[in-house]
Amino acid sequence: MIGGTHMCTDFPSLREETASFDEAISGILLHEIATSLRSSQ
């Protein structure tokens, strides 16, 4: 656990990549939900 936190502080670029990856996943999920809602109406 301590090693994991140490890695995060050592590699901020990796943390930024993970954040943008999360944003991409959220965007895809929102798009899928919106599409399914639209098609069900």
Protein backbone atom coordinates (compact mmCIF):
# COMPACT_ATOMS: atom_id res chain seq x y z
CA MET A 1 0.00 0.00 0.00
CA ILE A 2 2.80 2.41 0.92
CA GLY A 3 4.63 1.46 -2.30
CA GLY A 4 1.52 2.28 -4.33
CA THR A 5 1.21 5.77 -2.85
CA HIS A 6 4.93 6.33 -3.35
CA MET A 7 4.58 5.43 -7.03
CA CYS A 8 1.69 7.88 -7.48
CA THR A 9 3.77 10.78 -6.15
CA ASP A 10 6.80 9.70 -8.20
CA PHE A 11 4.90 9.49 -11.48
CA PRO A 12 2.37 12.36 -11.75
CA SER A 13 2.09 11.77 -15.50
CA LEU A 14 0.84 8.25 -14.84
CA ARG A 15 -1.78 9.66 -12.47
CA GLU A 16 -2.88 12.16 -15.16
CA GLU A 17 -3.19 9.36 -17.71
CA THR A 18 -5.38 7.41 -15.30
CA ALA A 19 -7.59 10.46 -14.73
CA SER A 20 -8.09 11.05 -18.46
CA PHE A 21 -8.78 7.32 -18.88
CA ASP A 22 -11.50 7.57 -16.21
CA GLU A 23 -12.97 10.58 -18.02
CA ALA A 24 -13.03 8.66 -21.30
CA ILE A 25 -14.80 5.70 -19.66
CA SER A 26 -17.34 8.05 -18.06
CA GLY A 27 -17.99 9.73 -21.41
CA ILE A 28 -18.54 6.37 -23.12
CA LEU A 29 -20.88 5.23 -20.35
CA LEU A 30 -22.89 8.45 -20.53
CA HIS A 31 -23.12 8.12 -24.32
CA GLU A 32 -24.31 4.50 -24.02
CA ILE A 33 -26.94 5.44 -21.42
CA ALA A 34 -28.19 8.36 -23.51
CA THR A 35 -28.39 6.17 -26.62
CA SER A 36 -30.32 3.40 -24.84
CA LEU A 37 -32.72 5.94 -23.30
CA ARG A 38 -33.35 7.52 -26.69
CA SER A 39 -33.97 4.16 -28.40
CA SER A 40 -36.34 2.94 -25.66
CA GLN A 41 -38.68 5.92 -26.07
